Amino acid sequence: MKRLFRWMSVLSVVLLCTGLLAFAHPAMAADVEKESMRNKVADKMSTSYGQKLDLNNTNLRYFRVLQGMYPTLAGLIVRNSPYKEVSDVLNIPGLTEAQRATLELNLDKFTVTDVEEALTAGEDRINNGAYR
């Protein structure tokens, strides 16, 4: 009896591993509109988002390109977003005069676009796991 049980166990494991006992699911084409299939991030890269730092969507680490922004000021910008206009960043509560001056010097390097979930979902905006 033990021998039969072993053989049945081994046979079922082998069959499961080869997929013979697995339940096959038929492939189903998704019925979606073309608009939902668009790569919204690629579309955004062709706008001013690709040339300037977007205050509503840019990852915290990208603020390193501007002196005096990373990590403290960049963190304040990210935590207080979204912004309607670039100048709204000057209204962050608790800014020091030095931080306000740094922001004023860099206002021309910022842009504001609509918040894109693909860029801001979860903690990706704080740490997207890309290290260079």
C-alpha atoms as a PDB file:
ATOM      1  CA  MET A   1       0.000   0.000   0.000  1.00  0.00           C
ATOM      2  CA  LYS A   2       2.843   2.354   0.835  1.00  0.00           C
ATOM      3  CA  ARG A   3       4.446   1.554  -2.492  1.00  0.00           C
ATOM      4  CA  LEU A   4       1.224   2.355  -4.378  1.00  0.00           C
ATOM      5  CA  PHE A   5       0.849   5.638  -2.512  1.00  0.00           C
ATOM      6  CA  ARG A   6       4.454   6.618  -3.353  1.00  0.00           C
ATOM      7  CA  TRP A   7       3.991   5.813  -7.021  1.00  0.00           C
ATOM      8  CA  MET A   8       0.747   7.804  -7.172  1.00  0.00           C
ATOM      9  CA  SER A   9       2.410  10.740  -5.443  1.00  0.00           C
ATOM     10  CA  VAL A  10       5.397  10.696  -7.774  1.00  0.00           C
ATOM     11  CA  LEU A  11       3.161  10.334 -10.830  1.00  0.00           C
ATOM     12  CA  SER A  12       0.938  13.259  -9.783  1.00  0.00           C
ATOM     13  CA  VAL A  13       3.965  15.496  -9.117  1.00  0.00           C
ATOM     14  CA  VAL A  14       5.431  14.641 -12.511  1.00  0.00           C
ATOM     15  CA  LEU A  15       2.124  15.270 -14.261  1.00  0.00           C
ATOM     16  CA  LEU A  16       1.652  18.571 -12.454  1.00  0.00           C
ATOM     17  CA  CYS A  17       5.174  19.684 -13.330  1.00  0.00           C
ATOM     18  CA  THR A  18       4.665  18.887 -16.999  1.00  0.00           C
ATOM     19  CA  GLY A  19       1.337  20.670 -17.031  1.00  0.00           C
ATOM     20  CA  LEU A  20      -0.774  17.685 -17.971  1.00  0.00           C
ATOM     21  CA  LEU A  21      -2.991  18.008 -14.918  1.00  0.00           C
ATOM     22  CA  ALA A  22      -2.983  21.786 -14.820  1.00  0.00           C
ATOM     23  CA  PHE A  23      -6.142  23.524 -15.840  1.00  0.00           C
ATOM     24  CA  ALA A  24      -5.567  25.458 -19.034  1.00  0.00           C
ATOM     25  CA  HIS A  25      -7.233  28.825 -19.306  1.00  0.00           C
ATOM     26  CA  PRO A  26      -8.169  29.924 -22.786  1.00  0.00           C
ATOM     27  CA  ALA A  27      -6.582  33.137 -23.976  1.00  0.00           C
ATOM     28  CA  MET A  28      -9.036  35.974 -24.068  1.00  0.00           C
ATOM     29  CA  ALA A  29      -8.496  39.172 -25.977  1.00  0.00           C
ATOM     30  CA  ALA A  30      -9.152  42.251 -23.903  1.00  0.00           C
ATOM     31  CA  ASP A  31     -11.910  44.490 -25.120  1.00  0.00           C
ATOM     32  CA  VAL A  32     -10.337  47.862 -24.394  1.00  0.00           C
ATOM     33  CA  GLU A  33     -10.414  51.182 -26.114  1.00  0.00           C
ATOM     34  CA  LYS A  34      -7.311  52.577 -27.783  1.00  0.00           C
ATOM     35  CA  GLU A  35      -7.121  55.434 -25.271  1.00  0.00           C
ATOM     36  CA  SER A  36      -6.639  53.097 -22.319  1.00  0.00           C
ATOM     37  CA  MET A  37      -3.819  51.315 -24.182  1.00  0.00           C
ATOM     38  CA  ARG A  38      -1.762  54.484 -24.615  1.00  0.00           C
ATOM     39  CA  ASN A  39       1.498  54.817 -22.738  1.00  0.00           C
ATOM     40  CA  LYS A  40       0.690  57.915 -20.704  1.00  0.00           C
ATOM     41  CA  VAL A  41       4.223  58.241 -19.364  1.00  0.00           C
ATOM     42  CA  ALA A  42       5.713  58.292 -22.889  1.00  0.00           C
ATOM     43  CA  ASP A  43       3.127  60.903 -23.890  1.00  0.00           C
ATOM     44  CA  LYS A  44       4.117  63.015 -20.880  1.00  0.00           C
ATOM     45  CA  MET A  45       7.825  62.757 -21.792  1.00  0.00           C
ATOM     46  CA  SER A  46       7.108  64.528 -25.087  1.00  0.00           C
ATOM     47  CA  THR A  47       5.751  67.562 -23.204  1.00  0.00           C
ATOM     48  CA  SER A  48       7.579  69.985 -20.906  1.00  0.00           C
ATOM     49  CA  TYR A  49       7.726  67.145 -18.364  1.00  0.00           C
ATOM     50  CA  GLY A  50      10.612  65.669 -20.347  1.00  0.00           C
ATOM     51  CA  GLN A  51      12.628  68.904 -20.287  1.00  0.00           C
ATOM     52  CA  LYS A  52      11.915  70.264 -16.796  1.00  0.00           C
ATOM     53  CA  LEU A  53      11.298  68.879 -13.330  1.00  0.00           C
ATOM     54  CA  ASP A  54       7.563  68.345 -12.891  1.00  0.00           C
ATOM     55  CA  LEU A  55       6.598  69.362  -9.374  1.00  0.00           C
ATOM     56  CA  ASN A  56       3.620  66.980  -9.402  1.00  0.00           C
ATOM     57  CA  ASN A  57       5.231  63.848 -10.868  1.00  0.00           C
ATOM     58  CA  THR A  58       9.029  63.878 -10.640  1.00  0.00           C
ATOM     59  CA  ASN A  59      10.736  61.326  -8.422  1.00  0.00           C
ATOM     60  CA  LEU A  60      12.470  62.769  -5.372  1.00  0.00           C
ATOM     61  CA  ARG A  61      15.927  61.684  -6.581  1.00  0.00           C
ATOM     62  CA  TYR A  62      15.727  63.768  -9.761  1.00  0.00           C
ATOM     63  CA  PHE A  63      15.870  66.936  -7.677  1.00  0.00           C
ATOM     64  CA  ARG A  64      19.558  66.144  -7.096  1.00  0.00           C
ATOM     65  CA  VAL A  65      20.423  67.933 -10.352  1.00  0.00           C
ATOM     66  CA  LEU A  66      19.624  71.267  -8.686  1.00  0.00           C
ATOM     67  CA  GLN A  67      21.982  72.440  -5.968  1.00  0.00           C
ATOM     68  CA  GLY A  68      20.387  72.827  -2.543  1.00  0.00           C
ATOM     69  CA  MET A  69      17.220  70.900  -3.395  1.00  0.00           C
ATOM     70  CA  TYR A  70      17.972  67.320  -2.349  1.00  0.00           C
ATOM     71  CA  PRO A  71      16.907  65.814   0.027  1.00  0.00           C
ATOM     72  CA  THR A  72      15.189  68.255   2.401  1.00  0.00           C
ATOM     73  CA  LEU A  73      13.634  70.740   0.002  1.00  0.00           C
ATOM     74  CA  ALA A  74      12.789  68.029  -2.532  1.00  0.00           C
ATOM     75  CA  GLY A  75      11.001  66.109   0.209  1.00  0.00           C
ATOM     76  CA  LEU A  76       8.949  69.180   1.113  1.00  0.00           C
ATOM     77  CA  ILE A  77       8.004  69.677  -2.544  1.00  0.00           C
ATOM     78  CA  VAL A  78       6.922  66.050  -2.966  1.00  0.00           C
ATOM     79  CA  ARG A  79       4.953  65.931   0.305  1.00  0.00           C
ATOM     80  CA  ASN A  80       3.050  69.143  -0.456  1.00  0.00           C
ATOM     81  CA  SER A  81       2.095  68.341  -4.067  1.00  0.00           C
ATOM     82  CA  PRO A  82       0.031  68.577  -6.227  1.00  0.00           C
ATOM     83  CA  TYR A  83       0.454  72.135  -7.430  1.00  0.00           C
ATOM     84  CA  LYS A  84      -1.699  74.081  -9.884  1.00  0.00           C
ATOM     85  CA  GLU A  85       1.081  76.484 -10.917  1.00  0.00           C
ATOM     86  CA  VAL A  86       4.852  76.515 -10.530  1.00  0.00           C
ATOM     87  CA  SER A  87       4.670  79.553  -8.251  1.00  0.00           C
ATOM     88  CA  ASP A  88       2.509  77.575  -5.786  1.00  0.00           C
ATOM     89  CA  VAL A  89       5.693  75.854  -4.600  1.00  0.00           C
ATOM     90  CA  LEU A  90       6.648  79.115  -2.853  1.00  0.00           C
ATOM     91  CA  ASN A  91       3.584  78.731  -0.594  1.00  0.00           C
ATOM     92  CA  ILE A  92       4.784  75.538   1.114  1.00  0.00           C
ATOM     93  CA  PRO A  93       4.210  76.021   4.845  1.00  0.00           C
ATOM     94  CA  GLY A  94       7.339  76.226   6.996  1.00  0.00           C
ATOM     95  CA  LEU A  95       9.831  77.226   4.274  1.00  0.00           C
ATOM     96  CA  THR A  96      12.905  79.021   5.536  1.00  0.00           C
ATOM     97  CA  GLU A  97      14.130  82.129   3.728  1.00  0.00           C
ATOM     98  CA  ALA A  98      17.087  80.168   2.334  1.00  0.00           C
ATOM     99  CA  GLN A  99      14.762  77.464   0.983  1.00  0.00           C
ATOM    100  CA  ARG A 100      12.451  80.081  -0.543  1.00  0.00           C
ATOM    101  CA  ALA A 101      15.456  81.750  -2.207  1.00  0.00           C
ATOM    102  CA  THR A 102      16.620  78.393  -3.616  1.00  0.00           C
ATOM    103  CA  LEU A 103      13.152  77.769  -5.034  1.00  0.00           C
ATOM    104  CA  GLU A 104      12.972  81.256  -6.556  1.00  0.00           C
ATOM    105  CA  LEU A 105      16.325  80.705  -8.292  1.00  0.00           C
ATOM    106  CA  ASN A 106      15.040  77.483  -9.846  1.00  0.00           C
ATOM    107  CA  LEU A 107      11.450  78.362 -10.774  1.00  0.00           C
ATOM    108  CA  ASP A 108      12.353  78.401 -14.484  1.00  0.00           C
ATOM    109  CA  LYS A 109      13.534  74.774 -14.227  1.00  0.00           C
ATOM    110  CA  PHE A 110      10.145  73.521 -12.979  1.00  0.00           C
ATOM    111  CA  THR A 111       6.907  72.695 -14.711  1.00  0.00           C
ATOM    112  CA  VAL A 112       3.512  71.512 -13.509  1.00  0.00           C
ATOM    113  CA  THR A 113       1.421  68.890 -15.299  1.00  0.00           C
ATOM    114  CA  ASP A 114      -1.514  66.762 -14.230  1.00  0.00           C
ATOM    115  CA  VAL A 115      -0.700  64.081 -11.694  1.00  0.00           C
ATOM    116  CA  GLU A 116      -0.036  60.775 -13.463  1.00  0.00           C
ATOM    117  CA  GLU A 117      -0.756  57.711 -11.328  1.00  0.00           C
ATOM    118  CA  ALA A 118       1.884  55.660 -13.145  1.00  0.00           C
ATOM    119  CA  LEU A 119       4.519  58.085 -11.833  1.00  0.00           C
ATOM    120  CA  THR A 120       3.183  58.733  -8.349  1.00  0.00           C
ATOM    121  CA  ALA A 121       1.470  55.522  -7.188  1.00  0.00           C
ATOM    122  CA  GLY A 122       2.661  53.923  -3.987  1.00  0.00           C
ATOM    123  CA  GLU A 123       6.051  55.023  -2.752  1.00  0.00           C
ATOM    124  CA  ASP A 124       7.587  55.233  -6.244  1.00  0.00           C
ATOM    125  CA  ARG A 125       7.795  58.981  -5.988  1.00  0.00           C
ATOM    126  CA  ILE A 126       9.949  58.754  -2.879  1.00  0.00           C
ATOM    127  CA  ASN A 127      12.003  55.691  -3.823  1.00  0.00           C
ATOM    128  CA  ASN A 128      11.559  54.121  -7.239  1.00  0.00           C
ATOM    129  CA  GLY A 129      14.343  51.599  -6.660  1.00  0.00           C
ATOM    130  CA  ALA A 130      16.551  52.985  -9.453  1.00  0.00           C
ATOM    131  CA  TYR A 131      20.022  53.530  -8.091  1.00  0.00           C
ATOM    132  CA  ARG A 132      22.871  55.010 -10.135  1.00  0.00           C
END
